Amino acid sequence: MTAADKFGIAFSVGFTVAILAFAMISASTHNATSAPVVPAPAPVPAPAPEPTPAPPAPAEETPEGTPAETPEETPEETPEETPEPTPEETPEETTDGYPTSADVSISEGASSPGCESDGTCYVESDITVAAGAIVTWTNDDTASHTVTSGSPSDGQTDAFDSGLIKSGDTFEQTFDEAGEFDYFCVVHPWMTGKVTVE
């Protein structure tokens, strides 16, 4: 690169900077000297005329020429509402004092550890039913769970296995034989429960 080229580049850069500086000074001077824009005031609405009261209706006259009495307005009587009978809950059938059906909730949040400390992973986690009873588990959690016979420490047994129960779904198991049936969730092994069949 020759000295003339270097001079040309330096001159171009300097000239560009000078033009930009001039433009900025010109713009700030123009903004400072221009008149501020003031919005026009909003129109004030005229006050509305006050309504004049209607003249009272003339009283009806009786044949004797005396004004008739105006009957007082009486509120309409509303008929009393008769309460609807509340349906009576049918008692659970029992055999020898034990229920023949039971519902267990897989509680919301059971997929996170902590419910095992107060036994709320399955609600009720420890139930007793009669032989032949049907137990229904409902998944009230947002995660999928299982109801699998056995325990996390000893593993799964062959008594029953729900497979994955999606949120909002149910699993039913009929317990025909007496005994104690531990169960757990294979996906979340801190979740444990027990069904005792009498």
N, C-alpha and C. Protein backbone atom coordinates (compact mmCIF):
# COMPACT_ATOMS: atom_id res chain seq x y z
N MET A 1 0.85 -1.15 0.00
CA MET A 1 0.00 0.00 0.00
C MET A 1 0.91 1.23 0.00
N THR A 2 0.60 2.19 -0.85
CA THR A 2 1.43 3.39 -0.98
C THR A 2 0.98 4.43 0.03
N ALA A 3 1.75 5.45 0.13
CA ALA A 3 1.43 6.54 1.05
C ALA A 3 0.17 7.26 0.60
N ALA A 4 -0.04 7.32 -0.70
CA ALA A 4 -1.23 7.99 -1.22
C ALA A 4 -2.49 7.19 -0.84
N ASP A 5 -2.39 5.85 -0.88
CA ASP A 5 -3.53 5.02 -0.49
C ASP A 5 -3.85 5.22 0.99
N LYS A 6 -2.81 5.25 1.80
CA LYS A 6 -3.03 5.44 3.24
C LYS A 6 -3.67 6.79 3.51
N PHE A 7 -3.19 7.83 2.78
CA PHE A 7 -3.75 9.16 2.95
C PHE A 7 -5.23 9.17 2.53
N GLY A 8 -5.56 8.49 1.46
CA GLY A 8 -6.94 8.47 0.97
C GLY A 8 -7.88 7.80 1.97
N ILE A 9 -7.40 6.69 2.56
CA ILE A 9 -8.23 5.99 3.57
C ILE A 9 -8.42 6.86 4.79
N ALA A 10 -7.35 7.50 5.27
CA ALA A 10 -7.44 8.35 6.44
C ALA A 10 -8.36 9.54 6.18
N PHE A 11 -8.25 10.11 4.97
CA PHE A 11 -9.10 11.24 4.62
C PHE A 11 -10.57 10.83 4.59
N SER A 12 -10.86 9.66 4.02
CA SER A 12 -12.24 9.17 3.93
C SER A 12 -12.83 8.94 5.31
N VAL A 13 -12.06 8.32 6.18
CA VAL A 13 -12.54 8.06 7.55
C VAL A 13 -12.78 9.37 8.27
N GLY A 14 -11.84 10.31 8.17
CA GLY A 14 -12.00 11.60 8.85
C GLY A 14 -13.18 12.37 8.32
N PHE A 15 -13.37 12.35 6.98
CA PHE A 15 -14.49 13.05 6.38
C PHE A 15 -15.82 12.45 6.84
N THR A 16 -15.90 11.11 6.93
CA THR A 16 -17.12 10.44 7.38
C THR A 16 -17.45 10.81 8.83
N VAL A 17 -16.43 10.85 9.68
CA VAL A 17 -16.64 11.22 11.08
C VAL A 17 -17.12 12.65 11.18
N ALA A 18 -16.56 13.53 10.37
CA ALA A 18 -16.97 14.94 10.40
C ALA A 18 -18.43 15.09 9.96
N ILE A 19 -18.84 14.37 8.93
CA ILE A 19 -20.22 14.43 8.44
C ILE A 19 -21.18 13.93 9.52
N LEU A 20 -20.83 12.81 10.17
CA LEU A 20 -21.68 12.27 11.23
C LEU A 20 -21.80 13.25 12.39
N ALA A 21 -20.69 13.87 12.79
CA ALA A 21 -20.72 14.84 13.89
C ALA A 21 -21.60 16.02 13.53
N PHE A 22 -21.47 16.52 12.31
CA PHE A 22 -22.30 17.64 11.86
C PHE A 22 -23.78 17.26 11.88
N ALA A 23 -24.09 16.04 11.41
CA ALA A 23 -25.48 15.60 11.37
C ALA A 23 -26.06 15.50 12.78
N MET A 24 -25.25 15.03 13.72
CA MET A 24 -25.73 14.90 15.10
C MET A 24 -25.95 16.27 15.72
N ILE A 25 -25.06 17.20 15.48
CA ILE A 25 -25.21 18.55 16.04
C ILE A 25 -26.43 19.22 15.43
N SER A 26 -26.62 19.03 14.14
CA SER A 26 -27.76 19.63 13.46
C SER A 26 -29.07 19.06 14.00
N ALA A 27 -29.12 17.74 14.22
CA ALA A 27 -30.34 17.11 14.72
C ALA A 27 -30.66 17.57 16.13
N SER A 28 -29.65 17.70 16.99
CA SER A 28 -29.92 18.12 18.37
C SER A 28 -30.33 19.58 18.41
N THR A 29 -29.78 20.42 17.54
CA THR A 29 -30.17 21.82 17.49
C THR A 29 -31.60 21.94 16.96
N HIS A 30 -31.92 21.13 15.95
CA HIS A 30 -33.28 21.16 15.40
C HIS A 30 -34.31 20.75 16.44
N ASN A 31 -34.00 19.72 17.23
CA ASN A 31 -34.94 19.27 18.27
C ASN A 31 -35.10 20.30 19.37
N ALA A 32 -34.03 21.03 19.68
CA ALA A 32 -34.09 22.00 20.76
C ALA A 32 -34.86 23.25 20.36
N THR A 33 -34.82 23.61 19.06
CA THR A 33 -35.47 24.84 18.64
C THR A 33 -36.89 24.63 18.15
N SER A 34 -37.29 23.42 17.89
CA SER A 34 -38.65 23.21 17.40
C SER A 34 -39.64 23.37 18.55
N ALA A 35 -40.81 23.86 18.19
CA ALA A 35 -41.83 24.12 19.21
C ALA A 35 -42.38 22.81 19.73
N PRO A 36 -42.59 22.72 21.03
CA PRO A 36 -43.15 21.48 21.56
C PRO A 36 -44.59 21.30 21.09
N VAL A 37 -44.97 20.07 20.90
CA VAL A 37 -46.32 19.75 20.46
C VAL A 37 -47.20 19.60 21.70
N VAL A 38 -48.25 20.42 21.76
CA VAL A 38 -49.16 20.38 22.90
C VAL A 38 -50.48 19.81 22.40
N PRO A 39 -50.97 18.74 23.04
CA PRO A 39 -52.24 18.18 22.58
C PRO A 39 -53.39 19.14 22.87
N ALA A 40 -54.37 19.14 21.99
CA ALA A 40 -55.55 19.99 22.17
C ALA A 40 -56.33 19.49 23.38
N PRO A 41 -56.91 20.42 24.13
CA PRO A 41 -57.69 19.99 25.30
C PRO A 41 -58.92 19.21 24.86
N ALA A 42 -59.28 18.23 25.67
CA ALA A 42 -60.45 17.40 25.38
C ALA A 42 -61.71 18.23 25.62
N PRO A 43 -62.73 18.09 24.75
CA PRO A 43 -63.96 18.87 24.96
C PRO A 43 -64.66 18.43 26.25
N VAL A 44 -65.23 19.40 26.92
CA VAL A 44 -65.96 19.13 28.16
C VAL A 44 -67.43 18.91 27.79
N PRO A 45 -68.00 17.76 28.17
CA PRO A 45 -69.41 17.53 27.82
C PRO A 45 -70.33 18.46 28.60
N ALA A 46 -71.39 18.88 27.94
CA ALA A 46 -72.37 19.74 28.59
C ALA A 46 -73.14 18.92 29.60
N PRO A 47 -73.52 19.52 30.73
CA PRO A 47 -74.27 18.75 31.73
C PRO A 47 -75.63 18.35 31.17
N ALA A 48 -76.03 17.14 31.49
CA ALA A 48 -77.32 16.62 31.05
C ALA A 48 -78.42 17.26 31.88
N PRO A 49 -79.55 17.60 31.23
CA PRO A 49 -80.64 18.20 32.02
C PRO A 49 -81.23 17.17 32.97
N GLU A 50 -81.62 17.65 34.14
CA GLU A 50 -82.21 16.74 35.12
C GLU A 50 -83.63 16.39 34.70
N PRO A 51 -84.00 15.12 34.85
CA PRO A 51 -85.37 14.75 34.45
C PRO A 51 -86.39 15.36 35.41
N THR A 52 -87.50 15.75 34.84
CA THR A 52 -88.56 16.31 35.67
C THR A 52 -89.46 15.18 36.13
N PRO A 53 -89.87 15.20 37.38
CA PRO A 53 -90.71 14.10 37.87
C PRO A 53 -92.08 14.15 37.21
N ALA A 54 -92.64 12.99 36.97
CA ALA A 54 -93.97 12.89 36.37
C ALA A 54 -95.01 13.33 37.39
N PRO A 55 -96.04 14.01 36.92
CA PRO A 55 -97.07 14.44 37.89
C PRO A 55 -97.80 13.23 38.44
N PRO A 56 -98.24 13.30 39.68
CA PRO A 56 -98.95 12.16 40.27
C PRO A 56 -100.27 11.92 39.53
N ALA A 57 -100.60 10.65 39.45
CA ALA A 57 -101.85 10.27 38.78
C ALA A 57 -103.02 10.72 39.63
N PRO A 58 -104.09 11.21 38.97
CA PRO A 58 -105.25 11.65 39.76
C PRO A 58 -105.90 10.47 40.45
N ALA A 59 -106.37 10.70 41.64
CA ALA A 59 -107.03 9.64 42.39
C ALA A 59 -108.40 9.37 41.80
N GLU A 60 -108.74 8.09 41.80
CA GLU A 60 -110.07 7.74 41.30
C GLU A 60 -111.12 8.21 42.29
N GLU A 61 -112.18 8.64 41.73
CA GLU A 61 -113.24 9.11 42.62
C GLU A 61 -114.33 8.06 42.71
N THR A 62 -114.88 7.93 43.87
CA THR A 62 -116.00 7.02 44.08
C THR A 62 -117.27 7.73 43.65
N PRO A 63 -118.37 7.04 43.49
CA PRO A 63 -119.62 7.70 43.06
C PRO A 63 -120.03 8.84 43.98
N GLU A 64 -119.65 8.85 45.22
CA GLU A 64 -120.04 9.91 46.13
C GLU A 64 -119.18 11.15 45.93
N GLY A 65 -118.10 11.06 45.08
CA GLY A 65 -117.26 12.21 44.84
C GLY A 65 -116.05 12.27 45.74
N THR A 66 -115.86 11.28 46.58
CA THR A 66 -114.68 11.27 47.44
C THR A 66 -113.60 10.42 46.79
N PRO A 67 -112.37 10.80 46.99
CA PRO A 67 -111.31 10.01 46.37
C PRO A 67 -111.28 8.58 46.92
N ALA A 68 -111.02 7.65 46.03
CA ALA A 68 -110.94 6.25 46.45
C ALA A 68 -109.59 6.00 47.09
N GLU A 69 -109.59 5.07 48.00
CA GLU A 69 -108.32 4.72 48.65
C GLU A 69 -107.45 3.93 47.69
N THR A 70 -106.19 4.26 47.69
CA THR A 70 -105.25 3.54 46.83
C THR A 70 -104.80 2.30 47.59
N PRO A 71 -104.98 1.15 46.99
CA PRO A 71 -104.56 -0.06 47.72
C PRO A 71 -103.04 -0.10 47.84
N GLU A 72 -102.59 -0.53 49.00
CA GLU A 72 -101.14 -0.67 49.22
C GLU A 72 -100.62 -1.87 48.46
N GLU A 73 -99.44 -1.69 47.95
CA GLU A 73 -98.83 -2.81 47.24
C GLU A 73 -98.33 -3.83 48.25
N THR A 74 -98.72 -5.04 48.05
CA THR A 74 -98.26 -6.10 48.95
C THR A 74 -97.31 -6.99 48.17
N PRO A 75 -96.20 -7.35 48.76
CA PRO A 75 -95.26 -8.22 48.04
C PRO A 75 -95.89 -9.58 47.80
N GLU A 76 -95.57 -10.12 46.64
CA GLU A 76 -96.09 -11.44 46.33
C GLU A 76 -95.47 -12.47 47.26
N GLU A 77 -96.29 -13.37 47.69
CA GLU A 77 -95.77 -14.41 48.57
C GLU A 77 -95.04 -15.46 47.74
N THR A 78 -93.85 -15.79 48.19
CA THR A 78 -93.11 -16.83 47.49
C THR A 78 -93.36 -18.14 48.21
N PRO A 79 -93.66 -19.16 47.44
CA PRO A 79 -93.93 -20.44 48.11
C PRO A 79 -92.65 -20.95 48.77
N GLU A 80 -92.84 -21.56 49.93
CA GLU A 80 -91.69 -22.11 50.64
C GLU A 80 -91.12 -23.28 49.86
N GLU A 81 -89.79 -23.29 49.77
CA GLU A 81 -89.15 -24.40 49.07
C GLU A 81 -89.05 -25.58 50.02
N THR A 82 -89.45 -26.69 49.54
CA THR A 82 -89.34 -27.89 50.36
C THR A 82 -87.99 -28.52 50.07
N PRO A 83 -87.21 -28.78 51.09
CA PRO A 83 -85.90 -29.35 50.84
C PRO A 83 -86.03 -30.75 50.23
N GLU A 84 -85.13 -30.98 49.26
CA GLU A 84 -85.13 -32.30 48.64
C GLU A 84 -84.52 -33.30 49.61
N PRO A 85 -85.05 -34.46 49.66
CA PRO A 85 -84.47 -35.45 50.59
C PRO A 85 -83.06 -35.83 50.12
N THR A 86 -82.17 -35.90 51.07
CA THR A 86 -80.81 -36.31 50.72
C THR A 86 -80.78 -37.83 50.65
N PRO A 87 -80.14 -38.33 49.60
CA PRO A 87 -80.09 -39.79 49.49
C PRO A 87 -79.28 -40.39 50.64
N GLU A 88 -79.78 -41.44 51.17
CA GLU A 88 -79.07 -42.11 52.26
C GLU A 88 -77.96 -42.95 51.66
N GLU A 89 -76.81 -42.89 52.31
CA GLU A 89 -75.71 -43.72 51.85
C GLU A 89 -76.03 -45.17 52.19
N THR A 90 -75.85 -46.01 51.19
CA THR A 90 -76.08 -47.42 51.46
C THR A 90 -74.85 -47.97 52.17
N PRO A 91 -75.07 -48.61 53.27
CA PRO A 91 -73.91 -49.14 54.00
C PRO A 91 -73.20 -50.19 53.16
N GLU A 92 -71.88 -50.20 53.30
CA GLU A 92 -71.08 -51.19 52.59
C GLU A 92 -71.47 -52.59 53.06
N GLU A 93 -71.60 -53.47 52.11
CA GLU A 93 -71.90 -54.85 52.49
C GLU A 93 -70.70 -55.41 53.25
N THR A 94 -71.01 -56.21 54.22
CA THR A 94 -69.93 -56.80 55.00
C THR A 94 -70.15 -58.30 55.13
N THR A 95 -69.06 -58.96 55.31
CA THR A 95 -69.10 -60.39 55.61
C THR A 95 -68.29 -60.57 56.87
N ASP A 96 -68.94 -61.06 57.89
CA ASP A 96 -68.30 -61.23 59.20
C ASP A 96 -67.68 -59.93 59.69
N GLY A 97 -68.32 -58.80 59.38
CA GLY A 97 -67.84 -57.51 59.87
C GLY A 97 -66.79 -56.86 59.00
N TYR A 98 -66.37 -57.50 57.92
CA TYR A 98 -65.36 -56.91 57.03
C TYR A 98 -66.02 -56.50 55.72
N PRO A 99 -65.58 -55.35 55.15
CA PRO A 99 -66.21 -54.88 53.92
C PRO A 99 -65.93 -55.81 52.73
N THR A 100 -66.88 -55.84 51.79
CA THR A 100 -66.71 -56.67 50.60
C THR A 100 -66.16 -55.85 49.42
N SER A 101 -65.90 -54.56 49.68
CA SER A 101 -65.23 -53.74 48.68
C SER A 101 -64.48 -52.62 49.39
N ALA A 102 -63.47 -52.10 48.71
CA ALA A 102 -62.69 -50.99 49.28
C ALA A 102 -62.10 -50.18 48.14
N ASP A 103 -61.95 -48.88 48.37
CA ASP A 103 -61.33 -47.98 47.41
C ASP A 103 -60.05 -47.43 48.00
N VAL A 104 -58.99 -47.43 47.20
CA VAL A 104 -57.69 -46.92 47.63
C VAL A 104 -57.26 -45.86 46.62
N SER A 105 -56.82 -44.71 47.10
CA SER A 105 -56.35 -43.63 46.24
C SER A 105 -54.83 -43.66 46.17
N ILE A 106 -54.31 -43.60 44.96
CA ILE A 106 -52.88 -43.34 44.78
C ILE A 106 -52.80 -41.81 44.82
N SER A 107 -52.31 -41.29 45.93
CA SER A 107 -52.47 -39.86 46.20
C SER A 107 -51.63 -38.98 45.30
N GLU A 108 -52.12 -37.75 45.12
CA GLU A 108 -51.41 -36.76 44.32
C GLU A 108 -50.07 -36.48 44.97
N GLY A 109 -49.03 -36.47 44.18
CA GLY A 109 -47.68 -36.22 44.68
C GLY A 109 -46.95 -37.46 45.16
N ALA A 110 -47.58 -38.64 45.06
CA ALA A 110 -46.94 -39.87 45.53
C ALA A 110 -45.70 -40.22 44.72
N SER A 111 -45.55 -39.65 43.54
CA SER A 111 -44.38 -39.95 42.73
C SER A 111 -43.12 -39.28 43.26
N SER A 112 -43.26 -38.39 44.22
CA SER A 112 -42.10 -37.75 44.86
C SER A 112 -41.90 -38.36 46.24
N PRO A 113 -40.67 -38.68 46.60
CA PRO A 113 -40.44 -39.26 47.93
C PRO A 113 -40.94 -38.34 49.04
N GLY A 114 -41.38 -38.95 50.13
CA GLY A 114 -41.87 -38.20 51.29
C GLY A 114 -43.20 -38.71 51.79
N CYS A 115 -44.03 -39.24 50.89
CA CYS A 115 -45.35 -39.74 51.33
C CYS A 115 -45.21 -41.01 52.17
N GLU A 116 -44.09 -41.70 52.03
CA GLU A 116 -43.90 -42.93 52.80
C GLU A 116 -43.74 -42.66 54.29
N SER A 117 -43.30 -41.45 54.65
CA SER A 117 -43.07 -41.15 56.06
C SER A 117 -44.38 -41.09 56.85
N ASP A 118 -45.46 -40.68 56.20
CA ASP A 118 -46.74 -40.63 56.92
C ASP A 118 -47.78 -41.59 56.33
N GLY A 119 -47.34 -42.49 55.47
CA GLY A 119 -48.24 -43.52 54.94
C GLY A 119 -49.32 -43.01 54.02
N THR A 120 -49.04 -41.93 53.27
CA THR A 120 -50.06 -41.35 52.40
C THR A 120 -49.80 -41.56 50.92
N CYS A 121 -48.90 -42.48 50.57
CA CYS A 121 -48.68 -42.76 49.15
C CYS A 121 -49.92 -43.42 48.57
N TYR A 122 -50.42 -44.42 49.29
CA TYR A 122 -51.70 -45.06 48.99
C TYR A 122 -52.62 -44.71 50.16
N VAL A 123 -53.81 -44.19 49.87
CA VAL A 123 -54.72 -43.82 50.96
C VAL A 123 -55.99 -44.65 50.80
N GLU A 124 -56.23 -45.45 51.64
CA GLU A 124 -55.65 -46.04 52.84
C GLU A 124 -54.59 -47.06 52.41
N SER A 125 -53.46 -47.02 53.09
CA SER A 125 -52.37 -47.90 52.69
C SER A 125 -52.46 -49.28 53.34
N ASP A 126 -53.22 -49.42 54.41
CA ASP A 126 -53.34 -50.70 55.11
C ASP A 126 -54.83 -50.95 55.34
N ILE A 127 -55.42 -51.87 54.56
CA ILE A 127 -56.86 -52.12 54.67
C ILE A 127 -57.13 -53.58 54.99
N THR A 128 -58.30 -53.83 55.57
CA THR A 128 -58.74 -55.20 55.86
C THR A 128 -60.11 -55.38 55.20
N VAL A 129 -60.25 -56.47 54.43
CA VAL A 129 -61.50 -56.75 53.72
C VAL A 129 -61.89 -58.21 53.93
N ALA A 130 -63.11 -58.53 53.54
CA ALA A 130 -63.61 -59.91 53.63
C ALA A 130 -63.11 -60.69 52.41
N ALA A 131 -63.05 -62.01 52.55
CA ALA A 131 -62.69 -62.86 51.41
C ALA A 131 -63.73 -62.63 50.31
N GLY A 132 -63.28 -62.51 49.07
CA GLY A 132 -64.15 -62.23 47.94
C GLY A 132 -64.33 -60.75 47.66
N ALA A 133 -63.68 -59.90 48.46
CA ALA A 133 -63.82 -58.45 48.29
C ALA A 133 -63.08 -57.97 47.04
N ILE A 134 -63.61 -56.87 46.49
CA ILE A 134 -62.96 -56.21 45.35
C ILE A 134 -62.35 -54.92 45.86
N VAL A 135 -61.05 -54.75 45.62
CA VAL A 135 -60.35 -53.51 46.00
C VAL A 135 -60.05 -52.75 44.71
N THR A 136 -60.39 -51.47 44.70
CA THR A 136 -60.17 -50.63 43.53
C THR A 136 -59.18 -49.53 43.88
N TRP A 137 -58.09 -49.46 43.11
CA TRP A 137 -57.10 -48.40 43.26
C TRP A 137 -57.35 -47.37 42.16
N THR A 138 -57.39 -46.08 42.52
CA THR A 138 -57.56 -44.99 41.56
C THR A 138 -56.31 -44.13 41.60
N ASN A 139 -55.72 -43.88 40.43
CA ASN A 139 -54.52 -43.06 40.35
C ASN A 139 -54.92 -41.58 40.33
N ASP A 140 -54.79 -40.90 41.47
CA ASP A 140 -55.09 -39.48 41.59
C ASP A 140 -53.85 -38.62 41.44
N ASP A 141 -52.74 -39.24 41.05
CA ASP A 141 -51.49 -38.51 40.83
C ASP A 141 -51.37 -38.20 39.33
N THR A 142 -50.41 -37.36 38.98
CA THR A 142 -50.19 -37.03 37.57
C THR A 142 -49.25 -38.02 36.90
N ALA A 143 -48.51 -38.78 37.68
CA ALA A 143 -47.57 -39.77 37.14
C ALA A 143 -48.24 -41.15 37.10
N SER A 144 -47.70 -42.03 36.26
CA SER A 144 -48.20 -43.42 36.22
C SER A 144 -47.60 -44.21 37.38
N HIS A 145 -48.36 -45.19 37.88
CA HIS A 145 -47.94 -46.02 39.01
C HIS A 145 -48.34 -47.47 38.76
N THR A 146 -47.85 -48.35 39.64
CA THR A 146 -48.29 -49.74 39.62
C THR A 146 -48.79 -50.13 41.01
N VAL A 147 -49.59 -51.18 41.03
CA VAL A 147 -49.99 -51.85 42.27
C VAL A 147 -49.54 -53.29 42.06
N THR A 148 -48.40 -53.62 42.66
CA THR A 148 -47.74 -54.90 42.40
C THR A 148 -47.55 -55.65 43.71
N SER A 149 -48.01 -56.90 43.76
CA SER A 149 -47.86 -57.67 45.00
C SER A 149 -46.38 -57.93 45.27
N GLY A 150 -46.04 -57.89 46.56
CA GLY A 150 -44.66 -58.09 46.98
C GLY A 150 -44.17 -56.86 47.73
N SER A 151 -42.84 -56.72 47.77
CA SER A 151 -42.26 -55.57 48.46
C SER A 151 -40.98 -55.16 47.74
N PRO A 152 -40.53 -53.93 47.94
CA PRO A 152 -39.31 -53.49 47.27
C PRO A 152 -38.09 -54.33 47.69
N SER A 153 -38.06 -54.76 48.94
CA SER A 153 -36.89 -55.52 49.42
C SER A 153 -36.91 -56.98 48.97
N ASP A 154 -38.11 -57.59 48.93
CA ASP A 154 -38.20 -59.01 48.57
C ASP A 154 -38.56 -59.23 47.10
N GLY A 155 -39.00 -58.18 46.43
CA GLY A 155 -39.36 -58.30 45.02
C GLY A 155 -40.82 -58.63 44.82
N GLN A 156 -41.18 -58.78 43.55
CA GLN A 156 -42.55 -59.01 43.14
C GLN A 156 -42.96 -60.47 43.37
N THR A 157 -44.26 -60.66 43.76
CA THR A 157 -44.82 -62.01 43.85
C THR A 157 -45.83 -62.19 42.72
N ASP A 158 -46.40 -63.37 42.63
CA ASP A 158 -47.33 -63.66 41.52
C ASP A 158 -48.79 -63.39 41.88
N ALA A 159 -49.09 -62.79 43.02
CA ALA A 159 -50.49 -62.63 43.43
C ALA A 159 -51.25 -61.67 42.51
N PHE A 160 -50.69 -60.51 42.21
CA PHE A 160 -51.35 -59.56 41.31
C PHE A 160 -50.36 -58.50 40.86
N ASP A 161 -50.65 -57.90 39.71
CA ASP A 161 -49.84 -56.80 39.16
C ASP A 161 -50.72 -55.99 38.22
N SER A 162 -50.83 -54.72 38.49
CA SER A 162 -51.70 -53.86 37.68
C SER A 162 -51.08 -53.45 36.36
N GLY A 163 -49.76 -53.54 36.24
CA GLY A 163 -49.12 -52.88 35.12
C GLY A 163 -49.19 -51.38 35.38
N LEU A 164 -48.80 -50.55 34.42
CA LEU A 164 -48.84 -49.10 34.64
C LEU A 164 -50.29 -48.61 34.66
N ILE A 165 -50.61 -47.86 35.70
CA ILE A 165 -51.93 -47.22 35.83
C ILE A 165 -51.71 -45.74 35.53
N LYS A 166 -52.28 -45.26 34.43
CA LYS A 166 -52.12 -43.85 34.06
C LYS A 166 -52.95 -42.97 34.98
N SER A 167 -52.62 -41.69 34.99
CA SER A 167 -53.35 -40.71 35.80
C SER A 167 -54.84 -40.77 35.48
N GLY A 168 -55.66 -40.89 36.53
CA GLY A 168 -57.11 -40.93 36.37
C GLY A 168 -57.68 -42.33 36.14
N ASP A 169 -56.82 -43.31 35.87
CA ASP A 169 -57.30 -44.68 35.62
C ASP A 169 -57.40 -45.47 36.93
N THR A 170 -58.04 -46.64 36.84
CA THR A 170 -58.22 -47.48 38.03
C THR A 170 -57.73 -48.90 37.75
N PHE A 171 -57.54 -49.63 38.85
CA PHE A 171 -57.19 -51.06 38.80
C PHE A 171 -58.00 -51.75 39.87
N GLU A 172 -58.63 -52.88 39.52
CA GLU A 172 -59.42 -53.66 40.49
C GLU A 172 -58.79 -55.03 40.68
N GLN A 173 -58.82 -55.49 41.92
CA GLN A 173 -58.33 -56.83 42.23
C GLN A 173 -59.32 -57.48 43.19
N THR A 174 -59.72 -58.71 42.87
CA THR A 174 -60.60 -59.48 43.76
C THR A 174 -59.73 -60.38 44.62
N PHE A 175 -59.95 -60.34 45.93
CA PHE A 175 -59.18 -61.14 46.87
C PHE A 175 -60.06 -62.29 47.37
N ASP A 176 -59.88 -63.46 46.79
CA ASP A 176 -60.71 -64.61 47.13
C ASP A 176 -60.22 -65.38 48.35
N GLU A 177 -58.92 -65.36 48.61
CA GLU A 177 -58.35 -66.16 49.69
C GLU A 177 -57.89 -65.27 50.84
N ALA A 178 -58.02 -65.79 52.06
CA ALA A 178 -57.57 -65.06 53.24
C ALA A 178 -56.04 -64.98 53.23
N GLY A 179 -55.52 -63.92 53.83
CA GLY A 179 -54.08 -63.75 53.92
C GLY A 179 -53.70 -62.28 53.95
N GLU A 180 -52.40 -62.03 54.04
CA GLU A 180 -51.88 -60.66 54.02
C GLU A 180 -51.14 -60.47 52.70
N PHE A 181 -51.47 -59.42 51.99
CA PHE A 181 -50.89 -59.15 50.68
C PHE A 181 -50.22 -57.78 50.69
N ASP A 182 -48.89 -57.79 50.78
CA ASP A 182 -48.13 -56.54 50.66
C ASP A 182 -48.08 -56.17 49.19
N TYR A 183 -48.04 -54.86 48.92
CA TYR A 183 -47.90 -54.42 47.54
C TYR A 183 -47.07 -53.13 47.51
N PHE A 184 -46.58 -52.78 46.32
CA PHE A 184 -45.76 -51.59 46.15
C PHE A 184 -45.86 -51.10 44.71
N CYS A 185 -45.27 -49.95 44.45
CA CYS A 185 -45.20 -49.41 43.09
C CYS A 185 -43.80 -49.72 42.56
N VAL A 186 -43.74 -50.42 41.45
CA VAL A 186 -42.45 -50.80 40.86
C VAL A 186 -41.68 -49.55 40.42
N VAL A 187 -42.40 -48.53 39.93
CA VAL A 187 -41.76 -47.31 39.43
C VAL A 187 -41.26 -46.44 40.58
N HIS A 188 -42.00 -46.41 41.68
CA HIS A 188 -41.67 -45.57 42.84
C HIS A 188 -41.67 -46.48 44.08
N PRO A 189 -40.59 -47.20 44.34
CA PRO A 189 -40.59 -48.26 45.36
C PRO A 189 -40.79 -47.80 46.80
N TRP A 190 -40.78 -46.51 47.07
CA TRP A 190 -41.09 -46.05 48.44
C TRP A 190 -42.58 -46.14 48.71
N MET A 191 -43.38 -46.34 47.68
CA MET A 191 -44.83 -46.45 47.83
C MET A 191 -45.18 -47.90 48.17
N THR A 192 -45.69 -48.13 49.39
CA THR A 192 -46.04 -49.48 49.82
C THR A 192 -47.41 -49.48 50.50
N GLY A 193 -48.05 -50.65 50.48
CA GLY A 193 -49.33 -50.80 51.15
C GLY A 193 -49.59 -52.27 51.47
N LYS A 194 -50.73 -52.54 52.13
CA LYS A 194 -51.04 -53.92 52.50
C LYS A 194 -52.55 -54.13 52.52
N VAL A 195 -52.97 -55.27 51.96
CA VAL A 195 -54.37 -55.70 52.03
C VAL A 195 -54.41 -56.96 52.88
N THR A 196 -55.22 -56.91 53.95
CA THR A 196 -55.42 -58.10 54.79
C THR A 196 -56.81 -58.65 54.46
N VAL A 197 -56.87 -59.92 54.12
CA VAL A 197 -58.14 -60.56 53.76
C VAL A 197 -58.49 -61.53 54.88
N GLU A 198 -59.67 -61.33 55.49
CA GLU A 198 -60.12 -62.19 56.60
C GLU A 198 -61.17 -63.16 56.13
